[in-house]
Amino acid sequence: RGESSATSSATEAADVDNKHTLFDNYDLDTTHKYGEGGYGATYAAYRIDPHTQTRTDKLAVKIIDTRRMKIDAIKKECAILESLTHTNVIEINAHGTGRRNTAQEHLYFIFMELADGGELFDQVIDRGTNAMPEDVARNFFTQMLAGVLHCHERGVAHRDLKLENVLLTR
């Protein structure tokens, strides 16, 4: 993962009860989809500067349908990720439910650090029959091990470690 923003804080990352605050501080761009999984999809997002009301840091937002995944499980995953601070673990900036009485009512939004380099899976596939050079593979593997070690030292098991879930920065 890349450098984290100095503007994020534990209070900002906590579940945002005031839905307007969440959407006043963050903007999403559903025209730019990064990926899709079994419970939702990930899109481009931005932090909003409170003074200028302009987009600042580019982020990602994972949007989960709470009719497909229990909200308590989502919040638990967010709490776990918030407890992990490591270069090789994605950082959560804020999370919360969508606005009531809108199409967002059954959605949960997790605004997080952007890993704009794609998946490690794509790096392997793009090389085709040309094997990844050992030094490049070793570098990726060392970073993965460092992130997993950090999780394990804090009593967290990933449980779905695969090339598609290893996200890269540019």
N, C-alpha and C. Protein backbone atom coordinates (compact mmCIF):
# COMPACT_ATOMS: atom_id res chain seq x y z
N ARG A 1 0.85 -1.17 0.00
CA ARG A 1 0.00 0.00 0.00
C ARG A 1 0.88 1.22 0.00
N GLY A 2 0.38 2.32 -0.42
CA GLY A 2 1.19 3.52 -0.53
C GLY A 2 1.22 4.31 0.76
N GLU A 3 1.74 5.51 0.68
CA GLU A 3 1.80 6.38 1.85
C GLU A 3 0.39 6.74 2.29
N SER A 4 0.15 6.75 3.59
CA SER A 4 -1.17 7.09 4.09
C SER A 4 -1.29 8.60 4.26
N SER A 5 -2.52 9.07 4.21
CA SER A 5 -2.76 10.51 4.34
C SER A 5 -2.67 10.92 5.80
N ALA A 6 -2.04 12.03 6.04
CA ALA A 6 -1.91 12.52 7.42
C ALA A 6 -3.23 13.06 7.94
N THR A 7 -4.20 13.26 7.05
CA THR A 7 -5.47 13.83 7.48
C THR A 7 -6.42 12.80 8.04
N SER A 8 -6.17 11.50 7.87
CA SER A 8 -7.11 10.54 8.42
C SER A 8 -6.87 10.37 9.90
N SER A 9 -7.96 10.04 10.61
CA SER A 9 -7.87 9.87 12.05
C SER A 9 -8.78 8.76 12.49
N ALA A 10 -8.57 8.30 13.71
CA ALA A 10 -9.39 7.20 14.25
C ALA A 10 -10.86 7.61 14.31
N THR A 11 -11.14 8.85 14.66
CA THR A 11 -12.54 9.27 14.75
C THR A 11 -13.16 9.32 13.37
N GLU A 12 -12.40 9.69 12.37
CA GLU A 12 -12.93 9.75 11.02
C GLU A 12 -13.22 8.34 10.52
N ALA A 13 -12.36 7.38 10.87
CA ALA A 13 -12.51 6.03 10.39
C ALA A 13 -13.62 5.28 11.11
N ALA A 14 -14.03 5.73 12.27
CA ALA A 14 -15.10 5.05 13.00
C ALA A 14 -16.39 5.13 12.21
N ASP A 15 -17.28 4.17 12.46
CA ASP A 15 -18.56 4.14 11.76
C ASP A 15 -19.24 5.50 11.90
N VAL A 16 -19.56 6.11 10.79
CA VAL A 16 -20.12 7.45 10.79
C VAL A 16 -21.63 7.36 10.97
N ASP A 17 -22.14 7.84 12.14
CA ASP A 17 -23.57 7.79 12.41
C ASP A 17 -24.31 8.84 11.60
N ASN A 18 -23.73 9.99 11.43
CA ASN A 18 -24.36 11.04 10.65
C ASN A 18 -24.04 10.81 9.18
N LYS A 19 -25.00 10.28 8.43
CA LYS A 19 -24.76 9.91 7.04
C LYS A 19 -24.36 11.11 6.19
N HIS A 20 -24.89 12.28 6.53
CA HIS A 20 -24.54 13.46 5.75
C HIS A 20 -23.07 13.80 5.94
N THR A 21 -22.52 13.58 7.13
CA THR A 21 -21.11 13.83 7.36
C THR A 21 -20.25 12.94 6.47
N LEU A 22 -20.61 11.68 6.37
CA LEU A 22 -19.86 10.74 5.53
C LEU A 22 -19.84 11.24 4.09
N PHE A 23 -20.99 11.60 3.57
CA PHE A 23 -21.06 12.01 2.17
C PHE A 23 -20.69 13.48 1.96
N ASP A 24 -20.56 14.25 3.04
CA ASP A 24 -20.00 15.59 2.92
C ASP A 24 -18.48 15.52 2.82
N ASN A 25 -17.89 14.49 3.45
CA ASN A 25 -16.43 14.35 3.48
C ASN A 25 -15.86 13.49 2.36
N TYR A 26 -16.72 12.70 1.73
CA TYR A 26 -16.26 11.78 0.69
C TYR A 26 -17.21 11.80 -0.48
N ASP A 27 -16.65 11.63 -1.67
CA ASP A 27 -17.44 11.60 -2.90
C ASP A 27 -17.07 10.33 -3.66
N LEU A 28 -18.03 9.75 -4.33
CA LEU A 28 -17.73 8.55 -5.09
C LEU A 28 -17.98 8.76 -6.57
N ASP A 29 -17.29 7.99 -7.37
CA ASP A 29 -17.41 8.04 -8.81
C ASP A 29 -17.75 6.65 -9.30
N THR A 30 -19.06 6.37 -9.42
CA THR A 30 -19.49 5.02 -9.81
C THR A 30 -19.30 4.75 -11.29
N THR A 31 -18.77 5.72 -12.04
CA THR A 31 -18.46 5.47 -13.45
C THR A 31 -17.11 4.77 -13.60
N HIS A 32 -16.32 4.75 -12.53
CA HIS A 32 -14.99 4.12 -12.56
C HIS A 32 -14.96 2.96 -11.57
N LYS A 33 -15.23 1.75 -12.05
CA LYS A 33 -15.25 0.56 -11.20
C LYS A 33 -13.88 -0.11 -11.23
N TYR A 34 -13.34 -0.39 -10.03
CA TYR A 34 -12.06 -1.08 -9.93
C TYR A 34 -12.23 -2.59 -9.93
N GLY A 35 -13.29 -3.07 -9.31
CA GLY A 35 -13.49 -4.51 -9.25
C GLY A 35 -14.82 -4.86 -8.63
N GLU A 36 -15.13 -6.16 -8.68
CA GLU A 36 -16.39 -6.63 -8.13
C GLU A 36 -16.17 -7.99 -7.49
N GLY A 37 -16.85 -8.18 -6.37
CA GLY A 37 -16.74 -9.45 -5.66
C GLY A 37 -18.13 -10.00 -5.35
N GLY A 38 -18.18 -11.00 -4.50
CA GLY A 38 -19.43 -11.65 -4.18
C GLY A 38 -20.40 -10.79 -3.39
N TYR A 39 -19.89 -9.79 -2.64
CA TYR A 39 -20.76 -9.00 -1.78
C TYR A 39 -20.93 -7.56 -2.23
N GLY A 40 -20.16 -7.15 -3.22
CA GLY A 40 -20.26 -5.77 -3.66
C GLY A 40 -19.20 -5.43 -4.68
N ALA A 41 -19.00 -4.14 -4.89
CA ALA A 41 -18.04 -3.66 -5.88
C ALA A 41 -17.22 -2.51 -5.30
N THR A 42 -16.09 -2.24 -5.94
CA THR A 42 -15.20 -1.17 -5.52
C THR A 42 -15.08 -0.14 -6.64
N TYR A 43 -15.25 1.13 -6.26
CA TYR A 43 -15.23 2.23 -7.22
C TYR A 43 -14.23 3.29 -6.80
N ALA A 44 -14.00 4.23 -7.72
CA ALA A 44 -13.17 5.40 -7.41
C ALA A 44 -13.90 6.28 -6.42
N ALA A 45 -13.14 6.95 -5.56
CA ALA A 45 -13.72 7.86 -4.57
C ALA A 45 -12.70 8.95 -4.28
N TYR A 46 -13.17 9.99 -3.60
CA TYR A 46 -12.32 11.13 -3.27
C TYR A 46 -12.66 11.65 -1.89
N ARG A 47 -11.68 12.17 -1.22
CA ARG A 47 -11.90 12.92 0.01
C ARG A 47 -12.27 14.34 -0.43
N ILE A 48 -13.19 14.96 0.29
CA ILE A 48 -13.62 16.32 -0.01
C ILE A 48 -12.98 17.27 0.99
N ASP A 49 -12.31 18.30 0.49
CA ASP A 49 -11.72 19.31 1.36
C ASP A 49 -12.86 20.11 1.98
N PRO A 50 -12.94 20.16 3.33
CA PRO A 50 -14.06 20.83 3.97
C PRO A 50 -14.11 22.34 3.74
N HIS A 51 -12.98 22.94 3.42
CA HIS A 51 -12.93 24.39 3.24
C HIS A 51 -13.28 24.80 1.81
N THR A 52 -12.76 24.05 0.84
CA THR A 52 -12.97 24.42 -0.56
C THR A 52 -14.07 23.61 -1.22
N GLN A 53 -14.51 22.51 -0.57
CA GLN A 53 -15.52 21.61 -1.13
C GLN A 53 -15.07 21.00 -2.46
N THR A 54 -13.75 20.86 -2.62
CA THR A 54 -13.21 20.24 -3.83
C THR A 54 -12.65 18.87 -3.49
N ARG A 55 -12.55 18.04 -4.51
CA ARG A 55 -11.98 16.70 -4.34
C ARG A 55 -10.49 16.82 -4.08
N THR A 56 -10.01 16.02 -3.13
CA THR A 56 -8.57 16.02 -2.85
C THR A 56 -8.04 14.61 -3.07
N ASP A 57 -7.69 13.90 -2.03
CA ASP A 57 -7.06 12.59 -2.13
C ASP A 57 -7.94 11.61 -2.89
N LYS A 58 -7.31 10.90 -3.82
CA LYS A 58 -8.03 9.85 -4.55
C LYS A 58 -8.03 8.59 -3.69
N LEU A 59 -9.20 8.00 -3.52
CA LEU A 59 -9.39 6.81 -2.69
C LEU A 59 -10.15 5.76 -3.48
N ALA A 60 -10.50 4.70 -2.79
CA ALA A 60 -11.41 3.69 -3.33
C ALA A 60 -12.55 3.56 -2.33
N VAL A 61 -13.72 3.17 -2.82
CA VAL A 61 -14.85 2.91 -1.93
C VAL A 61 -15.40 1.53 -2.28
N LYS A 62 -15.47 0.70 -1.27
CA LYS A 62 -16.08 -0.62 -1.41
C LYS A 62 -17.54 -0.46 -1.00
N ILE A 63 -18.44 -0.80 -1.88
CA ILE A 63 -19.87 -0.66 -1.61
C ILE A 63 -20.45 -2.07 -1.47
N ILE A 64 -20.98 -2.34 -0.29
CA ILE A 64 -21.50 -3.67 0.03
C ILE A 64 -23.00 -3.60 0.22
N ASP A 65 -23.71 -4.53 -0.37
CA ASP A 65 -25.16 -4.63 -0.22
C ASP A 65 -25.43 -5.35 1.10
N THR A 66 -26.04 -4.64 2.05
CA THR A 66 -26.27 -5.22 3.39
C THR A 66 -27.37 -6.28 3.38
N ARG A 67 -28.03 -6.48 2.25
CA ARG A 67 -29.00 -7.58 2.14
C ARG A 67 -28.28 -8.88 1.81
N ARG A 68 -27.01 -8.77 1.39
CA ARG A 68 -26.22 -9.96 1.05
C ARG A 68 -25.18 -10.31 2.10
N MET A 69 -24.81 -9.34 2.92
CA MET A 69 -23.83 -9.54 3.98
C MET A 69 -24.31 -8.79 5.21
N LYS A 70 -24.28 -9.44 6.35
CA LYS A 70 -24.79 -8.83 7.57
C LYS A 70 -23.94 -7.62 7.96
N ILE A 71 -24.64 -6.57 8.36
CA ILE A 71 -23.97 -5.31 8.70
C ILE A 71 -23.00 -5.49 9.86
N ASP A 72 -23.33 -6.37 10.82
CA ASP A 72 -22.41 -6.61 11.94
C ASP A 72 -21.10 -7.22 11.46
N ALA A 73 -21.16 -8.10 10.46
CA ALA A 73 -19.95 -8.71 9.91
C ALA A 73 -19.10 -7.66 9.18
N ILE A 74 -19.78 -6.74 8.48
CA ILE A 74 -19.06 -5.67 7.78
C ILE A 74 -18.34 -4.78 8.79
N LYS A 75 -19.06 -4.38 9.83
CA LYS A 75 -18.47 -3.52 10.86
C LYS A 75 -17.31 -4.21 11.57
N LYS A 76 -17.43 -5.52 11.78
CA LYS A 76 -16.34 -6.28 12.42
C LYS A 76 -15.10 -6.27 11.52
N GLU A 77 -15.30 -6.48 10.22
CA GLU A 77 -14.17 -6.44 9.29
C GLU A 77 -13.52 -5.06 9.29
N CYS A 78 -14.33 -4.01 9.33
CA CYS A 78 -13.80 -2.65 9.37
C CYS A 78 -13.00 -2.41 10.65
N ALA A 79 -13.53 -2.87 11.78
CA ALA A 79 -12.83 -2.70 13.05
C ALA A 79 -11.48 -3.42 13.03
N ILE A 80 -11.45 -4.59 12.43
CA ILE A 80 -10.19 -5.34 12.33
C ILE A 80 -9.20 -4.56 11.48
N LEU A 81 -9.64 -4.09 10.33
CA LEU A 81 -8.74 -3.34 9.45
C LEU A 81 -8.26 -2.04 10.10
N GLU A 82 -9.14 -1.39 10.88
CA GLU A 82 -8.74 -0.17 11.58
C GLU A 82 -7.66 -0.44 12.62
N SER A 83 -7.62 -1.66 13.14
CA SER A 83 -6.62 -2.00 14.16
C SER A 83 -5.25 -2.31 13.56
N LEU A 84 -5.19 -2.43 12.25
CA LEU A 84 -3.95 -2.78 11.56
C LEU A 84 -3.36 -1.56 10.88
N THR A 85 -2.15 -1.21 11.28
CA THR A 85 -1.45 -0.09 10.65
C THR A 85 -0.11 -0.60 10.15
N HIS A 86 -0.07 -0.83 8.83
CA HIS A 86 1.15 -1.39 8.23
C HIS A 86 1.20 -0.98 6.77
N THR A 87 2.39 -0.78 6.26
CA THR A 87 2.60 -0.40 4.87
C THR A 87 1.94 -1.38 3.90
N ASN A 88 1.83 -2.65 4.27
CA ASN A 88 1.31 -3.66 3.37
C ASN A 88 -0.11 -4.10 3.71
N VAL A 89 -0.85 -3.25 4.41
CA VAL A 89 -2.25 -3.51 4.72
C VAL A 89 -3.04 -2.26 4.35
N ILE A 90 -4.12 -2.43 3.58
CA ILE A 90 -4.94 -1.30 3.14
C ILE A 90 -5.49 -0.55 4.36
N GLU A 91 -5.48 0.77 4.28
CA GLU A 91 -5.96 1.63 5.37
C GLU A 91 -7.38 2.10 5.09
N ILE A 92 -8.25 1.98 6.08
CA ILE A 92 -9.62 2.47 5.97
C ILE A 92 -9.65 3.93 6.43
N ASN A 93 -10.34 4.77 5.67
CA ASN A 93 -10.49 6.18 6.03
C ASN A 93 -11.80 6.46 6.75
N ALA A 94 -12.89 5.86 6.30
CA ALA A 94 -14.21 6.05 6.92
C ALA A 94 -15.15 4.99 6.40
N HIS A 95 -16.22 4.76 7.14
CA HIS A 95 -17.22 3.80 6.68
C HIS A 95 -18.56 4.10 7.32
N GLY A 96 -19.60 3.67 6.66
CA GLY A 96 -20.94 3.89 7.18
C GLY A 96 -22.00 3.48 6.18
N THR A 97 -23.24 3.51 6.64
CA THR A 97 -24.36 3.10 5.79
C THR A 97 -24.77 4.25 4.88
N GLY A 98 -25.56 3.90 3.88
CA GLY A 98 -26.07 4.90 2.94
C GLY A 98 -27.20 5.70 3.56
N ARG A 99 -27.62 6.69 2.84
CA ARG A 99 -28.69 7.57 3.31
C ARG A 99 -30.02 6.84 3.26
N ARG A 100 -30.83 7.03 4.29
CA ARG A 100 -32.16 6.44 4.35
C ARG A 100 -33.07 7.03 3.28
N ASN A 101 -34.07 6.25 2.90
CA ASN A 101 -35.08 6.68 1.91
C ASN A 101 -34.48 7.03 0.56
N THR A 102 -33.36 6.39 0.22
CA THR A 102 -32.75 6.56 -1.10
C THR A 102 -32.37 5.18 -1.60
N ALA A 103 -31.86 5.11 -2.80
CA ALA A 103 -31.38 3.84 -3.35
C ALA A 103 -30.18 3.32 -2.56
N GLN A 104 -29.56 4.20 -1.74
CA GLN A 104 -28.39 3.81 -0.96
C GLN A 104 -28.76 3.17 0.37
N GLU A 105 -30.03 3.08 0.69
CA GLU A 105 -30.48 2.65 2.01
C GLU A 105 -29.91 1.30 2.45
N HIS A 106 -29.72 0.37 1.52
CA HIS A 106 -29.24 -0.97 1.87
C HIS A 106 -27.76 -1.16 1.54
N LEU A 107 -27.04 -0.05 1.45
CA LEU A 107 -25.63 -0.13 1.09
C LEU A 107 -24.75 0.31 2.25
N TYR A 108 -23.56 -0.30 2.34
CA TYR A 108 -22.56 0.08 3.32
C TYR A 108 -21.33 0.52 2.54
N PHE A 109 -20.78 1.68 2.88
CA PHE A 109 -19.67 2.28 2.15
C PHE A 109 -18.40 2.23 3.01
N ILE A 110 -17.34 1.70 2.42
CA ILE A 110 -16.04 1.67 3.10
C ILE A 110 -15.06 2.45 2.23
N PHE A 111 -14.70 3.66 2.69
CA PHE A 111 -13.75 4.49 1.97
C PHE A 111 -12.35 4.12 2.44
N MET A 112 -11.49 3.77 1.49
CA MET A 112 -10.17 3.26 1.85
C MET A 112 -9.09 3.78 0.90
N GLU A 113 -7.90 3.56 1.35
CA GLU A 113 -6.72 3.90 0.56
C GLU A 113 -6.81 3.23 -0.81
N LEU A 114 -6.38 3.94 -1.83
CA LEU A 114 -6.40 3.41 -3.19
C LEU A 114 -5.13 2.63 -3.49
N ALA A 115 -5.32 1.40 -3.95
CA ALA A 115 -4.21 0.58 -4.45
C ALA A 115 -4.37 0.57 -5.97
N ASP A 116 -3.81 1.57 -6.63
CA ASP A 116 -4.06 1.80 -8.05
C ASP A 116 -3.20 0.99 -9.00
N GLY A 117 -2.46 0.03 -8.48
CA GLY A 117 -1.61 -0.80 -9.33
C GLY A 117 -2.26 -2.10 -9.74
N GLY A 118 -3.53 -2.29 -9.39
CA GLY A 118 -4.23 -3.52 -9.77
C GLY A 118 -3.93 -4.67 -8.82
N GLU A 119 -4.27 -5.85 -9.28
CA GLU A 119 -4.08 -7.07 -8.50
C GLU A 119 -2.78 -7.76 -8.89
N LEU A 120 -2.18 -8.46 -7.96
CA LEU A 120 -1.00 -9.27 -8.27
C LEU A 120 -1.36 -10.34 -9.30
N PHE A 121 -2.59 -10.82 -9.26
CA PHE A 121 -3.07 -11.80 -10.23
C PHE A 121 -2.83 -11.30 -11.66
N ASP A 122 -3.17 -10.03 -11.91
CA ASP A 122 -3.00 -9.46 -13.25
C ASP A 122 -1.53 -9.40 -13.66
N GLN A 123 -0.65 -9.13 -12.69
CA GLN A 123 0.79 -9.10 -12.98
C GLN A 123 1.27 -10.47 -13.45
N VAL A 124 0.78 -11.51 -12.82
CA VAL A 124 1.18 -12.88 -13.18
C VAL A 124 0.60 -13.25 -14.54
N ILE A 125 -0.68 -12.97 -14.76
CA ILE A 125 -1.35 -13.31 -16.01
C ILE A 125 -0.77 -12.53 -17.19
N ASP A 126 -0.49 -11.24 -16.98
CA ASP A 126 0.03 -10.40 -18.06
C ASP A 126 1.35 -10.91 -18.60
N ARG A 127 2.11 -11.58 -17.78
CA ARG A 127 3.42 -12.10 -18.21
C ARG A 127 3.28 -13.35 -19.06
N GLY A 128 2.11 -13.98 -19.03
CA GLY A 128 1.87 -15.17 -19.85
C GLY A 128 2.89 -16.25 -19.57
N THR A 129 3.46 -16.76 -20.64
CA THR A 129 4.44 -17.84 -20.50
C THR A 129 5.79 -17.34 -20.02
N ASN A 130 6.00 -16.02 -20.05
CA ASN A 130 7.24 -15.45 -19.53
C ASN A 130 7.15 -15.41 -18.02
N ALA A 131 7.94 -16.20 -17.38
CA ALA A 131 7.90 -16.26 -15.91
C ALA A 131 8.32 -14.91 -15.32
N MET A 132 7.72 -14.60 -14.17
CA MET A 132 8.11 -13.40 -13.44
C MET A 132 9.54 -13.60 -12.96
N PRO A 133 10.41 -12.62 -13.16
CA PRO A 133 11.79 -12.76 -12.67
C PRO A 133 11.80 -13.02 -11.17
N GLU A 134 12.73 -13.84 -10.72
CA GLU A 134 12.79 -14.24 -9.32
C GLU A 134 12.89 -13.05 -8.38
N ASP A 135 13.68 -12.05 -8.72
CA ASP A 135 13.83 -10.91 -7.82
C ASP A 135 12.51 -10.13 -7.68
N VAL A 136 11.72 -10.05 -8.74
CA VAL A 136 10.42 -9.37 -8.68
C VAL A 136 9.46 -10.19 -7.83
N ALA A 137 9.42 -11.50 -8.07
CA ALA A 137 8.55 -12.38 -7.28
C ALA A 137 8.93 -12.34 -5.81
N ARG A 138 10.23 -12.34 -5.52
CA ARG A 138 10.71 -12.29 -4.14
C ARG A 138 10.27 -11.00 -3.45
N ASN A 139 10.32 -9.89 -4.18
CA ASN A 139 9.91 -8.60 -3.63
C ASN A 139 8.42 -8.62 -3.27
N PHE A 140 7.58 -9.10 -4.18
CA PHE A 140 6.15 -9.21 -3.90
C PHE A 140 5.91 -10.13 -2.70
N PHE A 141 6.57 -11.28 -2.69
CA PHE A 141 6.36 -12.27 -1.64
C PHE A 141 6.80 -11.73 -0.27
N THR A 142 7.93 -11.02 -0.25
CA THR A 142 8.43 -10.43 1.00
C THR A 142 7.43 -9.43 1.56
N GLN A 143 6.85 -8.60 0.69
CA GLN A 143 5.86 -7.62 1.14
C GLN A 143 4.59 -8.31 1.64
N MET A 144 4.16 -9.36 0.94
CA MET A 144 2.99 -10.13 1.39
C MET A 144 3.24 -10.73 2.77
N LEU A 145 4.42 -11.33 2.95
CA LEU A 145 4.76 -11.93 4.24
C LEU A 145 4.78 -10.89 5.36
N ALA A 146 5.31 -9.71 5.06
CA ALA A 146 5.35 -8.65 6.08
C ALA A 146 3.94 -8.24 6.49
N GLY A 147 3.04 -8.10 5.54
CA GLY A 147 1.65 -7.76 5.85
C GLY A 147 0.95 -8.85 6.63
N VAL A 148 1.14 -10.10 6.22
CA VAL A 148 0.52 -11.23 6.91
C VAL A 148 1.10 -11.38 8.32
N LEU A 149 2.40 -11.19 8.47
CA LEU A 149 3.02 -11.26 9.79
C LEU A 149 2.42 -10.20 10.72
N HIS A 150 2.26 -8.99 10.21
CA HIS A 150 1.66 -7.93 11.01
C HIS A 150 0.25 -8.34 11.48
N CYS A 151 -0.52 -8.91 10.57
CA CYS A 151 -1.87 -9.38 10.94
C CYS A 151 -1.78 -10.46 12.02
N HIS A 152 -0.94 -11.44 11.81
CA HIS A 152 -0.82 -12.56 12.76
C HIS A 152 -0.34 -12.09 14.13
N GLU A 153 0.56 -11.12 14.15
CA GLU A 153 1.04 -10.59 15.44
C GLU A 153 -0.09 -9.91 16.22
N ARG A 154 -1.13 -9.52 15.53
CA ARG A 154 -2.28 -8.88 16.16
C ARG A 154 -3.49 -9.81 16.25
N GLY A 155 -3.25 -11.11 16.02
CA GLY A 155 -4.31 -12.11 16.17
C GLY A 155 -5.32 -12.12 15.04
N VAL A 156 -4.92 -11.63 13.87
CA VAL A 156 -5.83 -11.56 12.72
C VAL A 156 -5.36 -12.53 11.65
N ALA A 157 -6.29 -13.37 11.18
CA ALA A 157 -6.01 -14.28 10.07
C ALA A 157 -6.76 -13.77 8.84
N HIS A 158 -6.11 -13.74 7.70
CA HIS A 158 -6.73 -13.21 6.48
C HIS A 158 -7.86 -14.11 5.99
N ARG A 159 -7.66 -15.38 5.88
CA ARG A 159 -8.63 -16.40 5.50
C ARG A 159 -9.02 -16.41 4.02
N ASP A 160 -8.49 -15.51 3.21
CA ASP A 160 -8.79 -15.54 1.78
C ASP A 160 -7.62 -14.96 1.00
N LEU A 161 -6.42 -15.40 1.35
CA LEU A 161 -5.22 -14.89 0.71
C LEU A 161 -5.05 -15.57 -0.64
N LYS A 162 -5.12 -14.78 -1.70
CA LYS A 162 -4.94 -15.26 -3.06
C LYS A 162 -4.47 -14.08 -3.91
N LEU A 163 -3.96 -14.38 -5.10
CA LEU A 163 -3.39 -13.33 -5.95
C LEU A 163 -4.39 -12.21 -6.25
N GLU A 164 -5.67 -12.56 -6.37
CA GLU A 164 -6.70 -11.55 -6.66
C GLU A 164 -6.92 -10.59 -5.50
N ASN A 165 -6.53 -10.99 -4.29
CA ASN A 165 -6.72 -10.15 -3.10
C ASN A 165 -5.44 -9.43 -2.69
N VAL A 166 -4.40 -9.58 -3.44
CA VAL A 166 -3.16 -8.83 -3.17
C VAL A 166 -3.18 -7.63 -4.11
N LEU A 167 -3.41 -6.45 -3.54
CA LEU A 167 -3.54 -5.22 -4.32
C LEU A 167 -2.23 -4.46 -4.30
N LEU A 168 -1.93 -3.81 -5.41
CA LEU A 168 -0.64 -3.16 -5.60
C LEU A 168 -0.80 -1.65 -5.79
N THR A 169 0.21 -0.92 -5.40
CA THR A 169 0.28 0.50 -5.74
C THR A 169 1.11 0.60 -7.02
N ARG A 170 1.05 1.76 -7.63
CA ARG A 170 1.83 1.92 -8.88
C ARG A 170 3.31 1.84 -8.57
